[in-house]
Amino acid sequence: MSALAHEAPCDPGLDEVLWQAWKAMDLPEGYRAEIIEGSIEVSPTGRRRHGVLTNRLRWLLEAHLRDTGLRVFQDVNVIRGRKVCVPDLFVGPEDLDEIPDEEGLGVDATRVALVAEVVSPGTDAHRRDHIRKQRWYAQAGVPVYLVIDDFDDFDDQGTVTVFSGPDPERATYATKTTVAYGTPVVVPDGPAKGLEITETLTRP
């Protein structure tokens, strides 16, 4: 759900108001707040299936990144200016103190190597992860964005989407590859280059 919605997402004064409001929020356990395109969006943590997919992807990434000096993280604020996302997973240096944001509230989005989201049920969750967060991560220059979507109506199956080649000025990615569950897809760039996502991850 959206706690605060606004018409002028690029207003620097509004950015500061939202930032201060976000910092002052005291949410009940099980909720998180993000600043995306001129609004504070509050959403619950995922269901069991969400956790299953998130952890399968985490284990896959951790095995691929072994001995690289990079690690996979959850439940950490990723910050760009006065805007905040909390991805389901992201890849960064082993010591996150190497990439702090200015106020020490999270990590600098421009230093994050890969982000991943597992889509929750509902139209708004779909639009948030596929559209609004895609623009957010592209603007931050995150090299690779992965989306695992159990609920995408694509040949009556879920989908895996890999975005790569961020264009911060246009808030988009140069390459988008979407496959139905059961069709392997390979991460083309970044620290997880060559990682193959298969039905082993997306199986029921």
Protein backbone atom coordinates (compact mmCIF):
# COMPACT_ATOMS: atom_id res chain seq x y z
CA MET A 1 0.00 0.00 0.00
CA SER A 2 1.07 3.59 -0.44
CA ALA A 3 1.33 5.65 2.73
CA LEU A 4 2.04 8.97 1.03
CA ALA A 5 1.37 9.56 -2.66
CA HIS A 6 2.39 12.69 -4.55
CA GLU A 7 2.29 14.16 -8.04
CA ALA A 8 5.80 15.70 -8.17
CA PRO A 9 8.40 12.98 -7.56
CA CYS A 10 11.32 15.16 -8.71
CA ASP A 11 10.70 18.09 -6.32
CA PRO A 12 13.84 18.33 -4.13
CA GLY A 13 11.78 19.87 -1.31
CA LEU A 14 9.39 16.96 -1.42
CA ASP A 15 12.30 14.52 -1.43
CA GLU A 16 13.48 15.97 1.88
CA VAL A 17 9.98 15.87 3.40
CA LEU A 18 9.60 12.21 2.43
CA TRP A 19 13.09 11.41 3.71
CA GLN A 20 12.38 12.92 7.12
CA ALA A 21 8.98 11.22 7.29
CA TRP A 22 10.54 7.87 6.35
CA LYS A 23 13.22 8.22 9.04
CA ALA A 24 10.55 8.98 11.66
CA MET A 25 8.36 5.98 10.82
CA ASP A 26 7.89 3.31 13.47
CA LEU A 27 6.38 0.35 11.66
CA PRO A 28 5.06 -2.79 13.29
CA GLU A 29 7.13 -5.91 12.87
CA GLY A 30 6.64 -7.53 9.49
CA TYR A 31 6.41 -4.32 7.44
CA ARG A 32 8.93 -2.27 5.50
CA ALA A 33 8.83 1.22 4.03
CA GLU A 34 10.47 2.43 0.82
CA ILE A 35 10.65 5.77 -0.99
CA ILE A 36 9.86 5.14 -4.66
CA GLU A 37 8.90 7.75 -7.26
CA GLY A 38 7.55 10.40 -4.93
CA SER A 39 5.79 8.23 -2.37
CA ILE A 40 6.47 6.23 0.74
CA GLU A 41 5.32 2.68 0.02
CA VAL A 42 4.62 0.39 2.96
CA SER A 43 4.38 -3.33 2.30
CA PRO A 44 4.29 -6.51 4.40
CA THR A 45 7.04 -9.09 4.42
CA GLY A 46 6.47 -12.03 2.09
CA ARG A 47 4.48 -15.21 2.49
CA ARG A 48 6.02 -18.68 2.89
CA ARG A 49 6.45 -19.18 -0.88
CA HIS A 50 8.15 -15.80 -1.10
CA GLY A 51 10.63 -16.91 1.54
CA VAL A 52 11.22 -20.24 -0.21
CA LEU A 53 12.09 -18.58 -3.53
CA THR A 54 14.17 -15.84 -1.90
CA ASN A 55 16.30 -18.32 0.01
CA ARG A 56 16.76 -20.67 -2.95
CA LEU A 57 18.03 -17.71 -4.97
CA ARG A 58 20.26 -16.62 -2.09
CA TRP A 59 21.87 -20.07 -1.83
CA LEU A 60 22.38 -20.19 -5.60
CA LEU A 61 24.05 -16.78 -5.61
CA GLU A 62 26.21 -17.58 -2.61
CA ALA A 63 27.55 -20.71 -4.28
CA HIS A 64 28.31 -18.77 -7.48
CA LEU A 65 30.02 -15.92 -5.60
CA ARG A 66 32.23 -18.11 -3.42
CA ASP A 67 35.76 -16.71 -3.12
CA THR A 68 34.87 -13.45 -4.91
CA GLY A 69 34.83 -11.24 -1.80
CA LEU A 70 31.15 -10.50 -2.44
CA ARG A 71 28.19 -11.57 -0.33
CA VAL A 72 24.39 -11.74 -0.55
CA PHE A 73 22.35 -9.60 1.85
CA GLN A 74 18.71 -9.30 2.92
CA ASP A 75 16.71 -6.71 4.87
CA VAL A 76 19.11 -3.81 4.36
CA ASN A 77 18.14 -0.33 3.11
CA VAL A 78 19.60 0.51 -0.29
CA ILE A 79 19.72 4.29 -0.60
CA ARG A 80 20.07 6.66 -3.54
CA GLY A 81 20.02 10.31 -2.51
CA ARG A 82 16.79 10.72 -0.55
CA LYS A 83 15.18 7.56 -1.94
CA VAL A 84 15.13 4.09 -0.40
CA CYS A 85 14.47 0.55 -1.58
CA VAL A 86 14.67 -2.64 0.46
CA PRO A 87 15.32 -5.41 -2.09
CA ASP A 88 14.66 -9.01 -1.22
CA LEU A 89 18.33 -9.69 -1.98
CA PHE A 90 21.34 -7.71 -3.10
CA VAL A 91 25.00 -8.41 -3.77
CA GLY A 92 27.67 -6.22 -2.27
CA PRO A 93 31.12 -6.36 -0.66
CA GLU A 94 31.58 -8.67 2.31
CA ASP A 95 32.02 -5.65 4.59
CA LEU A 96 29.07 -3.31 4.01
CA ASP A 97 30.93 -0.59 5.90
CA GLU A 98 32.79 -0.12 2.61
CA ILE A 99 29.63 1.24 0.93
CA PRO A 100 27.67 3.24 3.53
CA ASP A 101 25.13 5.90 2.62
CA GLU A 102 25.74 9.43 3.93
CA GLU A 103 23.69 9.00 7.11
CA GLY A 104 24.62 5.43 7.92
CA LEU A 105 21.04 4.19 7.44
CA GLY A 106 21.88 1.67 4.74
CA VAL A 107 24.17 1.20 1.76
CA ASP A 108 24.89 3.36 -1.27
CA ALA A 109 22.85 2.04 -4.20
CA THR A 110 25.52 3.05 -6.70
CA ARG A 111 27.88 0.48 -5.14
CA VAL A 112 25.43 -2.45 -5.23
CA ALA A 113 26.34 -5.05 -7.87
CA LEU A 114 23.01 -6.91 -8.24
CA VAL A 115 19.51 -6.73 -6.80
CA ALA A 116 16.72 -9.31 -6.83
CA GLU A 117 13.02 -9.15 -6.05
CA VAL A 118 10.52 -11.96 -5.56
CA VAL A 119 7.10 -10.61 -6.53
CA SER A 120 4.26 -10.84 -4.01
CA PRO A 121 0.65 -11.47 -5.10
CA GLY A 122 -1.37 -8.56 -6.47
CA THR A 123 -1.34 -6.06 -9.31
CA ASP A 124 0.37 -3.32 -7.31
CA ALA A 125 3.17 -5.64 -6.19
CA HIS A 126 3.67 -6.67 -9.83
CA ARG A 127 3.86 -3.04 -10.98
CA ARG A 128 6.15 -2.09 -8.10
CA ASP A 129 8.75 -4.77 -8.86
CA HIS A 130 8.53 -4.86 -12.66
CA ILE A 131 8.07 -1.14 -13.33
CA ARG A 132 8.71 1.26 -10.44
CA LYS A 133 11.63 -0.60 -8.89
CA GLN A 134 13.07 -1.38 -12.30
CA ARG A 135 13.27 2.37 -12.95
CA TRP A 136 14.68 2.99 -9.45
CA TYR A 137 17.48 0.43 -9.83
CA ALA A 138 18.28 1.58 -13.38
CA GLN A 139 18.60 5.19 -12.19
CA ALA A 140 20.99 3.98 -9.50
CA GLY A 141 23.08 2.19 -12.13
CA VAL A 142 22.70 -1.25 -10.54
CA PRO A 143 24.25 -3.56 -13.18
CA VAL A 144 21.79 -6.47 -12.91
CA TYR A 145 18.22 -6.72 -11.66
CA LEU A 146 16.53 -10.13 -11.26
CA VAL A 147 12.77 -10.59 -10.84
CA ILE A 148 11.22 -13.92 -9.85
CA ASP A 149 7.44 -13.78 -10.37
CA ASP A 150 5.19 -16.67 -9.39
CA PHE A 151 2.14 -14.66 -10.36
CA ASP A 152 3.00 -13.40 -13.85
CA ASP A 153 0.47 -14.65 -16.41
CA PHE A 154 2.95 -15.94 -18.99
CA ASP A 155 1.94 -19.22 -20.63
CA ASP A 156 0.07 -19.97 -17.38
CA GLN A 157 3.38 -20.06 -15.53
CA GLY A 158 5.55 -17.82 -13.46
CA THR A 159 8.48 -15.96 -14.99
CA VAL A 160 12.10 -15.07 -14.40
CA THR A 161 13.22 -11.70 -15.76
CA VAL A 162 16.81 -10.49 -16.00
CA PHE A 163 17.47 -6.79 -16.60
CA SER A 164 21.01 -5.69 -17.48
CA GLY A 165 22.81 -2.68 -18.95
CA PRO A 166 21.38 0.16 -16.83
CA ASP A 167 20.75 3.56 -18.44
CA PRO A 168 20.40 5.95 -15.47
CA GLU A 169 19.42 8.92 -17.64
CA ARG A 170 16.49 7.07 -19.19
CA ALA A 171 15.68 5.08 -16.04
CA THR A 172 15.65 1.81 -17.92
CA TYR A 173 17.80 -1.20 -18.78
CA ALA A 174 19.19 -1.86 -22.25
CA THR A 175 18.44 -5.58 -22.07
CA LYS A 176 15.44 -7.40 -20.64
CA THR A 177 15.07 -11.17 -20.89
CA THR A 178 11.90 -12.86 -19.62
CA VAL A 179 11.40 -16.62 -19.62
CA ALA A 180 8.67 -18.87 -18.30
CA TYR A 181 9.40 -21.17 -15.40
CA GLY A 182 11.14 -24.26 -16.72
CA THR A 183 13.20 -22.35 -19.29
CA PRO A 184 16.76 -21.67 -18.14
CA VAL A 185 18.06 -18.10 -18.23
CA VAL A 186 21.67 -16.99 -17.73
CA VAL A 187 22.78 -13.80 -15.96
CA PRO A 188 24.77 -11.94 -18.67
CA ASP A 189 26.74 -9.39 -16.67
CA GLY A 190 28.03 -8.40 -13.27
CA PRO A 191 29.43 -10.57 -10.48
CA ALA A 192 26.88 -13.32 -11.14
CA LYS A 193 27.72 -13.52 -14.85
CA GLY A 194 27.18 -17.03 -16.12
CA LEU A 195 24.79 -17.99 -13.31
CA GLU A 196 22.00 -20.15 -14.74
CA ILE A 197 18.55 -19.93 -13.18
CA THR A 198 16.55 -23.10 -13.83
CA GLU A 199 13.46 -24.90 -12.62
CA THR A 200 15.52 -26.12 -9.67
CA LEU A 201 14.94 -22.66 -8.21
CA THR A 202 11.35 -22.06 -9.35
CA ARG A 203 9.91 -25.55 -8.76
CA PRO A 204 6.82 -25.80 -6.48
